[in-house]
Amino acid sequence: MYLQELGWVYFYQSRLDKAEPLLTEAIDGMRRLLSEVDPILLRAITRLAWLYQVQGRYQEAEKLQAEALHIVQRRLGPDHPYATGHMDGLAHAYWRQGRLEEAEELCRKAVEISQRINGEEHNDTLNYTVSLGRLCSALGRYGEAEELFVKALKDRRRLTGEEHFKTLAVMRYLGSLYRELERYDEAEQLLVPALEANRRLFGEQGPATLRSMVEVAELYRDQGHYDKAEQLLLKAEETARRVFGNDHEITNASVNNLIKLYESWDKPEKAEEWRAKLAHEEGKEK
């Protein structure tokens, strides 16, 4: 148990190289000693799967979550509360691999079960509601996504506070939705404070901070504040590449947004420079 908790501390410090072996060792040990549906073991499996998600190892995350979900449903029943967390985690793994419809089906099921068992304001229900909102946004159902995010943000602020990391996540998702809808003032009121708070909570290397940097840069680009956008994206790209590697989603998002920025800024030579860098990295992976 202590290995698991220490690994999770390292995860939140973005020290993933230290977190992974501790979580793996904890799971191996608990599998020898505990029932396969022991909540402590299932929590460790979920945490390792989320670490894989952050590292961009989506197939490994999918395998862990799918196996755990199958065990829980076989041993405890298809709608057991333990199943919903694995449904949500598996939905994220599907989503990151472009399997949006499968992800949405699982996520809606998790929301329905949690609402029925735990109530509308339970932490799990709010987590799955936010996940569903993100999927609705990715599928272009912006009205439903906004409705889900607004309610979740109101509940999060009341239940966990303005600067809780889960509140900040909802601020980012709703702010990014407003940017997509060209509601820039509303977007800025959410995205900029979320970035500032993530910096205070997680430092410059935290995944939430880096994602916030990219999101604020996207807003600045759309507003025509190209210098400010460039500063954020260059910092995010350099940090993500150093901390998470060349093929991580945040690294790629930073590079792709630098290309879009320079195209919008009428700097085609800079856009081509970054496009060539991206192609070179993709070529090395093959």
Protein backbone atom coordinates (compact mmCIF):
# COMPACT_ATOMS: atom_id res chain seq x y z
CA MET A 1 0.00 0.00 0.00
CA TYR A 2 2.81 2.40 0.88
CA LEU A 3 4.48 1.75 -2.47
CA GLN A 4 1.24 2.66 -4.22
CA GLU A 5 0.79 5.91 -2.28
CA LEU A 6 4.41 6.96 -2.80
CA GLY A 7 4.08 6.19 -6.49
CA TRP A 8 0.98 8.37 -6.66
CA VAL A 9 2.82 11.23 -4.94
CA TYR A 10 5.52 10.97 -7.59
CA PHE A 11 2.81 10.95 -10.27
CA TYR A 12 1.43 14.27 -9.05
CA GLN A 13 4.94 15.67 -8.94
CA SER A 14 5.30 14.65 -12.63
CA ARG A 15 8.15 12.29 -11.66
CA LEU A 16 6.74 9.54 -13.81
CA ASP A 17 10.00 7.62 -14.07
CA LYS A 18 9.87 7.11 -10.30
CA ALA A 19 6.11 6.56 -10.11
CA GLU A 20 5.84 3.72 -12.64
CA PRO A 21 8.13 1.12 -11.02
CA LEU A 22 6.57 1.72 -7.59
CA LEU A 23 3.02 1.27 -8.90
CA THR A 24 4.04 -1.80 -10.88
CA GLU A 25 5.76 -3.37 -7.87
CA ALA A 26 2.75 -2.56 -5.67
CA ILE A 27 0.37 -4.25 -8.10
CA ASP A 28 2.56 -7.34 -8.43
CA GLY A 29 2.71 -7.71 -4.66
CA MET A 30 -1.00 -7.15 -4.08
CA ARG A 31 -1.96 -9.64 -6.76
CA ARG A 32 -0.16 -12.32 -4.72
CA LEU A 33 -1.84 -11.34 -1.45
CA LEU A 34 -5.25 -9.83 -2.17
CA SER A 35 -8.46 -10.77 -3.93
CA GLU A 36 -8.56 -9.71 -7.56
CA VAL A 37 -11.47 -7.37 -6.71
CA ASP A 38 -9.90 -5.85 -3.60
CA PRO A 39 -10.45 -2.07 -3.84
CA ILE A 40 -6.84 -1.30 -2.95
CA LEU A 41 -5.57 -3.43 -5.82
CA LEU A 42 -8.14 -1.99 -8.24
CA ARG A 43 -7.11 1.54 -7.22
CA ALA A 44 -3.47 0.76 -7.95
CA ILE A 45 -4.37 -0.68 -11.37
CA THR A 46 -6.38 2.45 -12.19
CA ARG A 47 -3.51 4.68 -11.14
CA LEU A 48 -1.00 2.83 -13.29
CA ALA A 49 -3.42 3.03 -16.22
CA TRP A 50 -3.70 6.80 -15.79
CA LEU A 51 0.08 7.06 -15.67
CA TYR A 52 0.18 5.23 -19.01
CA GLN A 53 -2.39 7.71 -20.34
CA VAL A 54 -0.19 10.65 -19.37
CA GLN A 55 2.75 8.95 -21.07
CA GLY A 56 0.71 8.42 -24.23
CA ARG A 57 0.75 4.62 -23.82
CA TYR A 58 -2.95 4.28 -24.61
CA GLN A 59 -3.01 0.62 -25.61
CA GLU A 60 -1.37 -0.37 -22.33
CA ALA A 61 -3.85 1.77 -20.42
CA GLU A 62 -6.71 0.16 -22.35
CA LYS A 63 -5.47 -3.34 -21.53
CA LEU A 64 -5.26 -2.64 -17.81
CA GLN A 65 -8.66 -0.99 -17.59
CA ALA A 66 -10.41 -3.57 -19.78
CA GLU A 67 -9.04 -6.48 -17.75
CA ALA A 68 -10.03 -4.84 -14.45
CA LEU A 69 -13.51 -4.01 -15.74
CA HIS A 70 -14.04 -7.57 -16.93
CA ILE A 71 -13.00 -8.99 -13.55
CA VAL A 72 -15.24 -6.63 -11.58
CA GLN A 73 -18.28 -7.26 -13.78
CA ARG A 74 -17.74 -11.02 -13.70
CA ARG A 75 -17.17 -11.22 -9.96
CA LEU A 76 -19.39 -8.41 -8.62
CA GLY A 77 -21.95 -7.66 -11.33
CA PRO A 78 -22.19 -5.45 -14.42
CA ASP A 79 -23.40 -2.35 -12.55
CA HIS A 80 -21.24 -2.61 -9.43
CA PRO A 81 -19.84 0.76 -8.26
CA TYR A 82 -16.28 -0.51 -8.74
CA ALA A 83 -16.99 -0.96 -12.45
CA THR A 84 -17.68 2.71 -13.17
CA GLY A 85 -14.11 3.91 -12.59
CA HIS A 86 -12.79 1.35 -15.03
CA MET A 87 -15.50 2.29 -17.54
CA ASP A 88 -14.35 5.90 -17.33
CA GLY A 89 -10.68 4.98 -17.64
CA LEU A 90 -11.34 2.66 -20.56
CA ALA A 91 -13.43 5.37 -22.24
CA HIS A 92 -10.45 7.73 -22.04
CA ALA A 93 -8.17 5.13 -23.57
CA TYR A 94 -10.66 4.60 -26.41
CA TRP A 95 -11.00 8.35 -26.90
CA ARG A 96 -7.27 8.93 -27.19
CA GLN A 97 -7.17 6.25 -29.89
CA GLY A 98 -9.97 7.95 -31.85
CA ARG A 99 -12.72 5.51 -30.84
CA LEU A 100 -15.14 8.24 -29.76
CA GLU A 101 -18.43 6.38 -30.12
CA GLU A 102 -17.21 3.47 -27.99
CA ALA A 103 -15.89 5.95 -25.44
CA GLU A 104 -19.19 7.83 -25.28
CA GLU A 105 -21.22 4.66 -24.75
CA LEU A 106 -19.05 3.59 -21.81
CA CYS A 107 -18.99 7.06 -20.32
CA ARG A 108 -22.76 7.51 -20.44
CA LYS A 109 -23.12 4.14 -18.73
CA ALA A 110 -20.72 5.20 -15.97
CA VAL A 111 -22.64 8.46 -15.42
CA GLU A 112 -25.99 6.63 -15.30
CA ILE A 113 -24.77 4.04 -12.78
CA SER A 114 -23.08 6.62 -10.55
CA GLN A 115 -26.07 8.97 -10.56
CA ARG A 116 -28.34 6.08 -9.56
CA ILE A 117 -26.05 4.71 -6.85
CA ASN A 118 -24.17 7.75 -5.56
CA GLY A 119 -26.28 10.78 -6.47
CA GLU A 120 -25.77 13.82 -8.70
CA GLU A 121 -23.09 15.53 -6.56
CA HIS A 122 -20.89 12.57 -5.72
CA ASN A 123 -17.24 12.93 -6.72
CA ASP A 124 -17.43 9.97 -9.10
CA THR A 125 -20.58 11.28 -10.75
CA LEU A 126 -18.94 14.66 -11.32
CA ASN A 127 -15.81 13.01 -12.74
CA TYR A 128 -17.80 10.97 -15.24
CA THR A 129 -20.02 13.94 -16.12
CA VAL A 130 -16.95 15.97 -17.04
CA SER A 131 -15.61 13.07 -19.11
CA LEU A 132 -18.93 12.91 -20.95
CA GLY A 133 -18.78 16.65 -21.55
CA ARG A 134 -15.34 16.32 -23.11
CA LEU A 135 -16.57 13.56 -25.40
CA CYS A 136 -19.62 15.60 -26.43
CA SER A 137 -17.29 18.48 -27.26
CA ALA A 138 -15.01 16.21 -29.30
CA LEU A 139 -18.07 14.94 -31.16
CA GLY A 140 -19.23 18.49 -31.92
CA ARG A 141 -22.23 18.47 -29.59
CA TYR A 142 -21.29 21.79 -28.05
CA GLY A 143 -24.62 22.66 -26.43
CA GLU A 144 -24.71 19.44 -24.43
CA ALA A 145 -21.02 19.79 -23.56
CA GLU A 146 -21.53 23.34 -22.25
CA GLU A 147 -24.49 22.27 -20.14
CA LEU A 148 -22.51 19.42 -18.58
CA PHE A 149 -19.43 21.59 -17.92
CA VAL A 150 -21.35 24.51 -16.43
CA LYS A 151 -23.14 22.27 -13.94
CA ALA A 152 -19.96 20.38 -13.06
CA LEU A 153 -18.02 23.61 -12.54
CA LYS A 154 -20.70 25.03 -10.26
CA ASP A 155 -20.71 21.85 -8.19
CA ARG A 156 -16.92 21.57 -8.10
CA ARG A 157 -16.48 25.15 -6.92
CA ARG A 158 -19.00 24.62 -4.13
CA LEU A 159 -17.81 21.17 -3.06
CA THR A 160 -14.02 21.26 -3.55
CA GLY A 161 -13.08 24.94 -3.89
CA GLU A 162 -11.89 27.32 -6.58
CA GLU A 163 -8.30 26.03 -6.85
CA HIS A 164 -8.82 22.30 -6.46
CA PHE A 165 -7.20 20.52 -9.39
CA LYS A 166 -10.53 19.06 -10.49
CA THR A 167 -12.17 22.48 -10.48
CA LEU A 168 -9.29 23.81 -12.58
CA ALA A 169 -9.70 20.97 -15.06
CA VAL A 170 -13.36 21.85 -15.63
CA MET A 171 -12.39 25.51 -16.04
CA ARG A 172 -9.96 24.48 -18.77
CA TYR A 173 -12.47 22.31 -20.60
CA LEU A 174 -15.24 24.92 -20.50
CA GLY A 175 -12.80 27.69 -21.45
CA SER A 176 -11.56 25.71 -24.42
CA LEU A 177 -15.15 25.09 -25.50
CA TYR A 178 -15.86 28.82 -25.36
CA ARG A 179 -12.75 29.44 -27.47
CA GLU A 180 -14.03 26.98 -30.07
CA LEU A 181 -17.32 28.92 -30.09
CA GLU A 182 -15.39 32.23 -30.45
CA ARG A 183 -16.66 33.44 -27.08
CA TYR A 184 -13.20 34.75 -26.30
CA ASP A 185 -13.93 36.92 -23.26
CA GLU A 186 -15.64 34.04 -21.48
CA ALA A 187 -12.79 31.74 -22.48
CA GLU A 188 -10.14 34.09 -21.11
CA GLN A 189 -11.95 34.43 -17.78
CA LEU A 190 -11.53 30.69 -17.31
CA LEU A 191 -8.33 29.70 -19.10
CA VAL A 192 -5.94 32.34 -17.76
CA PRO A 193 -6.84 31.87 -14.05
CA ALA A 194 -6.64 28.09 -14.55
CA LEU A 195 -3.10 28.41 -15.93
CA GLU A 196 -2.00 30.64 -13.06
CA ALA A 197 -3.44 28.26 -10.47
CA ASN A 198 -1.93 25.17 -12.12
CA ARG A 199 1.46 26.84 -12.04
CA ARG A 200 1.07 27.43 -8.31
CA LEU A 201 -0.12 23.88 -7.66
CA PHE A 202 2.02 21.81 -10.02
CA GLY A 203 4.89 24.00 -11.21
CA GLU A 204 6.00 24.59 -14.79
CA GLN A 205 6.51 20.88 -15.55
CA GLY A 206 3.12 19.57 -14.47
CA PRO A 207 1.00 18.06 -17.26
CA ALA A 208 -1.98 20.22 -16.28
CA THR A 209 0.22 23.32 -16.44
CA LEU A 210 1.58 22.43 -19.85
CA ARG A 211 -1.88 21.70 -21.22
CA SER A 212 -3.07 25.01 -19.79
CA MET A 213 -0.19 26.78 -21.53
CA VAL A 214 -1.19 25.28 -24.87
CA GLU A 215 -4.85 26.17 -24.34
CA VAL A 216 -4.13 29.78 -23.40
CA ALA A 217 -1.79 30.03 -26.39
CA GLU A 218 -4.60 28.82 -28.66
CA LEU A 219 -6.82 31.56 -27.25
CA TYR A 220 -4.13 34.22 -27.73
CA ARG A 221 -3.61 33.06 -31.32
CA ASP A 222 -7.30 33.33 -32.07
CA GLN A 223 -7.34 36.79 -30.50
CA GLY A 224 -4.37 37.87 -32.62
CA HIS A 225 -1.93 38.09 -29.68
CA TYR A 226 0.75 36.20 -31.56
CA ASP A 227 3.78 37.20 -29.45
CA LYS A 228 2.12 36.00 -26.24
CA ALA A 229 1.01 32.76 -27.89
CA GLU A 230 4.52 32.07 -29.22
CA GLN A 231 6.11 32.58 -25.81
CA LEU A 232 3.78 30.07 -24.18
CA LEU A 233 4.06 27.46 -26.92
CA LEU A 234 7.85 27.54 -27.11
CA LYS A 235 8.05 27.06 -23.36
CA ALA A 236 5.47 24.25 -23.40
CA GLU A 237 7.21 22.47 -26.29
CA GLU A 238 10.66 22.65 -24.69
CA THR A 239 9.42 21.49 -21.29
CA ALA A 240 7.20 18.69 -22.60
CA ARG A 241 9.96 17.37 -24.85
CA ARG A 242 12.47 17.37 -21.99
CA VAL A 243 10.13 15.88 -19.36
CA PHE A 244 7.91 13.53 -21.40
CA GLY A 245 9.78 12.91 -24.63
CA ASN A 246 9.46 13.62 -28.34
CA ASP A 247 6.32 11.60 -29.02
CA HIS A 248 4.18 12.65 -26.07
CA GLU A 249 0.78 14.19 -26.78
CA ILE A 250 1.69 17.51 -25.13
CA THR A 251 4.90 17.75 -27.16
CA ASN A 252 2.98 17.07 -30.36
CA ALA A 253 0.19 19.47 -29.40
CA SER A 254 2.75 22.20 -28.78
CA VAL A 255 4.44 21.65 -32.14
CA ASN A 256 1.16 21.47 -34.06
CA ASN A 257 0.00 24.67 -32.42
CA LEU A 258 3.28 26.39 -33.25
CA ILE A 259 2.66 25.48 -36.91
CA LYS A 260 -0.87 26.90 -36.75
CA LEU A 261 0.38 30.00 -34.97
CA TYR A 262 3.02 30.82 -37.58
CA GLU A 263 0.55 30.18 -40.39
CA SER A 264 -1.91 32.60 -38.79
CA TRP A 265 0.93 35.06 -38.14
CA ASP A 266 1.95 34.98 -41.82
CA LYS A 267 5.33 33.45 -41.03
CA PRO A 268 5.30 30.46 -43.43
CA GLU A 269 9.03 29.85 -43.10
CA LYS A 270 8.70 29.35 -39.34
CA ALA A 271 5.68 27.09 -39.85
CA GLU A 272 7.66 25.00 -42.31
CA GLU A 273 10.57 24.77 -39.90
CA TRP A 274 8.34 23.25 -37.24
CA ARG A 275 6.53 21.07 -39.75
CA ALA A 276 9.89 19.62 -40.82
CA LYS A 277 10.83 19.02 -37.20
CA LEU A 278 7.57 17.16 -36.62
CA ALA A 279 8.07 15.05 -39.76
CA HIS A 280 11.62 14.24 -38.69
CA GLU A 281 10.46 13.02 -35.25
CA GLU A 282 7.68 10.93 -36.81
CA GLY A 283 10.17 9.43 -39.24
CA LYS A 284 12.47 8.38 -36.42
CA GLU A 285 9.61 6.52 -34.73
CA LYS A 286 8.92 4.31 -37.80
